[in-house]
Every structure is written in C-alpha cells, then in structure tokens.
Amino acid sequence: MVGRASVQSEKKGFALPQVPKIAVYIVGFIPAVWLFYAGIDDRLGADPMRYLEQALGLWALRFLIATLAITPLRQLFNVNLLRYRRALGLLAFYYAALHLTTYLVLDQGLDMAAIVADIVKRPYITIGMATFVILIPLAVTSNNAAIRRMGGQAWAKLHRLVYVAAIGAALHFLLVVKSWPPEPLVYAAIVAALLGYRLVRPMVKKPSPRRRPA
C-alpha cells in the first residue's frame, strides 16, 4: 500500500530512532485487542456491536491518515518515517477488514440478503464496501516482490488509489453518524488537507536555479 523508499530517500531528513517494523504492528494491534477484550467483558456501552464496528473503522481511517501524513512530514518538517509507511498502510487494511468482518459476521450474521439490501439502500455502506475493495489490491501488492513484478511506475500508479480510499473512508465515517458532530468533520478536514497538499505542492514548488556557465 506504500512505496519502497530508496536508500537515498531514507537517508534524507531527520530520522527518528529506528524501531523494528514488527513493533509497529504489535503496537498497532493493541487497540483491536483492547476493543475485543472490552467487548467480551461487556464494557462497550449500551450498543457494544455498533461501538466495536465503528471503533475498528475509525482506527482504519486513522492509519490511512498516518500513511498519507508521512510524505508531508518529510517534505515540510524533515522527519523521515518512510520505513514505516508500508506497515501503517497494512494496518489500515487490517482494521478495515476487522471492521467489515464485524459487520458481516457479528452484526448481520452472514445474512447475505440483508447485507445486499444494506449495500443497495444505505449509501454509507455502499461507499464503505467500495473503499474496502480498493484497499484489497493495495494490500496484496504491498511487498517488494509485487514491485519487481509490476514495475515501479505501474505499481506507483496503482497505489495512488490510496487517495481515493482515504476520501471514501472519510465520507463513509461522515455518513455513518446520523448527525454531524465535530469528530468526523475533523477527520474529513485532515484528509482534505493531506490530499490538497499533494495537489498544491507541485504548483508552488520553485524550480531549482540553473547554474550559469562559467
């Protein structure tokens, strides 16, 4: 879901003390473990299924945002976290898969008729399903073998779909809530800012001055 940064790119900027990538996954799954434990212990409130489902989806959105934030952090603040971008992107996919599984299995009991009816009648579910479908090829090709097999340019074009997935995830979150409290609006604004940055930066970036001949 993220690019394999070159050695030269990873050396640029202020690199934080390196943490093993497995530690990112371990820490990243702590919220999921806690949520399922709290659910078993009946500590998720009056509507535990809805709380669990929405919390897992929200963590998927948070990891998507973290993935998108890595490039601006490096370019604007000289903080280099490129080596963790793939792990963050995959965590976004895993949380989205848990979110979807909770809906399909625990909420709907794999009742395909009810699930199809929901997809047709409820726009936020339609958008959520479409977003998850977009994430699948990104997750499957988030490895060095896929980059070699597809070629760098084709792989990079495919992984630009993460921008579409981020928009879909933010819109899904906005539509899930009946009213519009500040939280989904804040997440939507963050996604808009991160994507807007990518559109604006090429237009405002000054070209490097050409050297005059001696």
Protein backbone atom coordinates (compact mmCIF):
# COMPACT_ATOMS: atom_id res chain seq x y z
CA MET A 1 0.00 0.00 0.00
CA VAL A 2 3.06 2.16 0.18
CA GLY A 3 6.25 2.61 -1.78
CA ARG A 4 9.61 1.02 -1.20
CA ALA A 5 11.71 4.03 -0.39
CA SER A 6 15.16 4.12 -1.88
CA VAL A 7 18.17 4.09 0.43
CA GLN A 8 18.91 7.65 -0.61
CA SER A 9 15.39 8.82 0.26
CA GLU A 10 15.51 7.14 3.64
CA LYS A 11 18.73 8.98 4.48
CA LYS A 12 17.19 12.40 3.83
CA GLY A 13 15.67 14.34 6.66
CA PHE A 14 15.63 13.83 10.40
CA ALA A 15 15.27 10.10 11.00
CA LEU A 16 13.83 9.20 14.38
CA PRO A 17 15.48 6.34 16.31
CA GLN A 18 14.72 3.23 14.29
CA VAL A 19 12.10 0.92 15.73
CA PRO A 20 11.73 -2.64 14.40
CA LYS A 21 8.81 -2.77 11.97
CA ILE A 22 7.31 -5.69 13.88
CA ALA A 23 6.97 -3.33 16.85
CA VAL A 24 4.79 -1.04 14.72
CA TYR A 25 2.44 -3.95 14.03
CA ILE A 26 2.39 -5.02 17.69
CA VAL A 27 1.60 -1.52 18.92
CA GLY A 28 -0.82 -1.01 16.04
CA PHE A 29 -2.93 -4.01 17.03
CA ILE A 30 -3.22 -3.00 20.70
CA PRO A 31 -6.46 -1.03 20.10
CA ALA A 32 -8.07 -4.02 18.35
CA VAL A 33 -7.09 -6.40 21.15
CA TRP A 34 -8.43 -3.99 23.75
CA LEU A 35 -11.70 -3.46 21.85
CA PHE A 36 -12.42 -7.19 21.51
CA TYR A 37 -11.44 -7.78 25.14
CA ALA A 38 -13.71 -4.94 26.27
CA GLY A 39 -16.49 -6.39 24.13
CA ILE A 40 -16.13 -9.82 25.75
CA ASP A 41 -16.06 -8.14 29.16
CA ASP A 42 -19.21 -6.16 28.29
CA ARG A 43 -17.51 -2.77 28.60
CA LEU A 44 -18.50 -1.20 25.28
CA GLY A 45 -21.66 0.53 26.41
CA ALA A 46 -25.33 0.05 25.61
CA ASP A 47 -24.74 -0.89 21.96
CA PRO A 48 -21.45 -2.84 22.00
CA MET A 49 -21.74 -4.15 18.45
CA ARG A 50 -22.14 -0.69 16.97
CA TYR A 51 -19.34 0.69 19.16
CA LEU A 52 -16.94 -2.11 18.17
CA GLU A 53 -17.80 -1.80 14.50
CA GLN A 54 -17.35 1.98 14.40
CA ALA A 55 -14.19 1.96 16.54
CA LEU A 56 -12.45 -0.53 14.25
CA GLY A 57 -13.44 1.52 11.20
CA LEU A 58 -12.18 4.68 12.85
CA TRP A 59 -8.80 3.08 13.51
CA ALA A 60 -8.62 2.09 9.84
CA LEU A 61 -9.15 5.74 8.92
CA ARG A 62 -6.54 6.87 11.45
CA PHE A 63 -3.91 4.55 9.97
CA LEU A 64 -4.79 5.72 6.46
CA ILE A 65 -4.26 9.29 7.60
CA ALA A 66 -0.95 8.33 9.24
CA THR A 67 0.14 6.76 5.94
CA LEU A 68 -0.74 9.90 3.98
CA ALA A 69 0.98 12.14 6.55
CA ILE A 70 4.43 10.61 6.08
CA THR A 71 5.29 12.47 2.86
CA PRO A 72 4.30 15.93 4.18
CA LEU A 73 6.17 15.25 7.41
CA ARG A 74 9.33 14.52 5.46
CA GLN A 75 8.96 17.40 3.00
CA LEU A 76 7.81 20.08 5.43
CA PHE A 77 9.41 19.12 8.73
CA ASN A 78 12.33 16.94 7.64
CA VAL A 79 11.02 14.00 9.70
CA ASN A 80 11.71 10.73 7.91
CA LEU A 81 9.29 7.89 8.68
CA LEU A 82 9.28 6.31 5.22
CA ARG A 83 10.39 2.92 6.50
CA TYR A 84 7.14 2.60 8.49
CA ARG A 85 4.74 3.67 5.73
CA ARG A 86 4.05 0.18 4.45
CA ALA A 87 3.30 -1.11 7.96
CA LEU A 88 0.90 1.77 8.60
CA GLY A 89 -0.86 1.17 5.30
CA LEU A 90 -1.26 -2.52 6.01
CA LEU A 91 -2.57 -1.76 9.49
CA ALA A 92 -5.22 0.43 7.85
CA PHE A 93 -6.23 -2.53 5.69
CA TYR A 94 -6.28 -4.98 8.61
CA TYR A 95 -8.50 -2.67 10.65
CA ALA A 96 -10.79 -2.16 7.67
CA ALA A 97 -11.00 -5.97 7.31
CA LEU A 98 -11.85 -6.31 11.02
CA HIS A 99 -14.44 -3.54 10.65
CA LEU A 100 -16.03 -5.32 7.69
CA THR A 101 -15.87 -8.74 9.37
CA THR A 102 -17.59 -7.37 12.46
CA TYR A 103 -20.39 -6.03 10.26
CA LEU A 104 -20.74 -9.19 8.16
CA VAL A 105 -20.41 -11.82 10.88
CA LEU A 106 -21.29 -10.32 14.25
CA ASP A 107 -23.80 -7.70 13.12
CA GLN A 108 -25.52 -9.33 10.13
CA GLY A 109 -24.78 -12.98 10.93
CA LEU A 110 -23.70 -13.54 7.29
CA ASP A 111 -27.28 -12.96 6.16
CA MET A 112 -26.45 -12.24 2.52
CA ALA A 113 -29.93 -10.98 1.67
CA ALA A 114 -29.77 -8.39 4.45
CA ILE A 115 -26.20 -7.45 3.53
CA VAL A 116 -27.06 -6.91 -0.16
CA ALA A 117 -30.15 -4.90 0.85
CA ASP A 118 -27.94 -2.73 3.09
CA ILE A 119 -25.43 -2.14 0.29
CA VAL A 120 -28.20 -1.07 -2.08
CA LYS A 121 -30.22 1.05 0.35
CA ARG A 122 -27.58 2.65 2.56
CA PRO A 123 -25.07 4.91 0.76
CA TYR A 124 -22.54 4.82 3.59
CA ILE A 125 -22.36 1.02 3.34
CA THR A 126 -22.03 1.21 -0.46
CA ILE A 127 -19.15 3.66 -0.08
CA GLY A 128 -17.57 1.60 2.69
CA MET A 129 -17.68 -1.59 0.62
CA ALA A 130 -16.24 0.19 -2.43
CA THR A 131 -13.45 1.62 -0.28
CA PHE A 132 -12.56 -1.81 1.07
CA VAL A 133 -12.48 -3.24 -2.46
CA ILE A 134 -9.99 -0.51 -3.40
CA LEU A 135 -7.79 -1.39 -0.43
CA ILE A 136 -7.54 -5.09 -1.37
CA PRO A 137 -5.16 -4.77 -4.37
CA LEU A 138 -3.12 -2.19 -2.47
CA ALA A 139 -2.63 -4.59 0.45
CA VAL A 140 -1.93 -7.59 -1.81
CA THR A 141 0.78 -5.68 -3.69
CA SER A 142 2.39 -4.09 -0.61
CA ASN A 143 5.57 -6.13 -0.91
CA ASN A 144 8.86 -5.94 -2.77
CA ALA A 145 8.00 -8.92 -4.99
CA ALA A 146 4.95 -7.09 -6.35
CA ILE A 147 7.05 -4.00 -7.09
CA ARG A 148 9.55 -6.10 -9.07
CA ARG A 149 6.81 -7.99 -10.89
CA MET A 150 4.70 -4.95 -11.82
CA GLY A 151 7.49 -2.45 -12.36
CA GLY A 152 7.89 0.72 -10.35
CA GLN A 153 5.74 3.02 -12.48
CA ALA A 154 2.75 0.68 -12.76
CA TRP A 155 2.98 -0.11 -9.06
CA ALA A 156 3.07 3.59 -8.15
CA LYS A 157 0.03 4.32 -10.33
CA LEU A 158 -1.94 1.53 -8.67
CA HIS A 159 -1.05 2.76 -5.19
CA ARG A 160 -2.30 6.25 -5.93
CA LEU A 161 -5.70 4.66 -5.33
CA VAL A 162 -4.92 5.13 -1.63
CA TYR A 163 -6.06 8.73 -2.15
CA VAL A 164 -9.45 7.51 -3.36
CA ALA A 165 -9.62 5.09 -0.44
CA ALA A 166 -8.91 7.90 2.03
CA ILE A 167 -11.71 10.02 0.55
CA GLY A 168 -14.07 7.03 0.66
CA ALA A 169 -13.17 6.23 4.27
CA ALA A 170 -13.69 9.83 5.40
CA LEU A 171 -17.01 10.07 3.55
CA HIS A 172 -18.11 6.71 4.98
CA PHE A 173 -17.40 8.00 8.50
CA LEU A 174 -19.31 11.22 7.82
CA LEU A 175 -22.39 9.36 6.57
CA VAL A 176 -22.40 6.72 9.33
CA VAL A 177 -23.31 9.23 12.02
CA LYS A 178 -26.88 10.48 11.99
CA SER A 179 -25.93 14.00 13.00
CA TRP A 180 -22.62 15.67 12.19
CA PRO A 181 -20.59 16.00 15.39
CA PRO A 182 -17.13 17.62 15.16
CA GLU A 183 -15.11 14.36 15.09
CA PRO A 184 -15.98 13.11 11.56
CA LEU A 185 -15.68 16.65 10.23
CA VAL A 186 -12.19 16.95 11.73
CA TYR A 187 -11.08 13.68 10.12
CA ALA A 188 -12.56 14.75 6.78
CA ALA A 189 -10.70 18.06 7.04
CA ILE A 190 -7.41 16.28 7.78
CA VAL A 191 -7.85 14.02 4.74
CA ALA A 192 -8.73 17.05 2.59
CA ALA A 193 -5.64 18.89 3.83
CA LEU A 194 -3.30 15.97 3.16
CA LEU A 195 -4.67 15.45 -0.35
CA GLY A 196 -4.82 19.18 -1.03
CA TYR A 197 -1.16 19.45 -0.08
CA ARG A 198 -0.28 16.93 -2.77
CA LEU A 199 -2.18 18.96 -5.37
CA VAL A 200 -0.80 22.34 -4.37
CA ARG A 201 2.86 21.46 -3.73
CA PRO A 202 3.82 20.87 -7.41
CA MET A 203 2.35 24.27 -8.32
CA VAL A 204 4.15 26.25 -5.60
CA LYS A 205 7.44 24.36 -5.58
CA LYS A 206 10.08 26.61 -7.03
CA PRO A 207 12.30 25.12 -9.73
CA SER A 208 15.96 24.80 -8.78
CA PRO A 209 18.04 27.62 -10.19
CA ARG A 210 20.12 26.70 -13.20
CA ARG A 211 23.84 27.09 -12.94
CA ARG A 212 25.28 29.77 -15.15
CA PRO A 213 28.07 28.68 -17.44
CA ALA A 214 31.49 29.77 -16.30
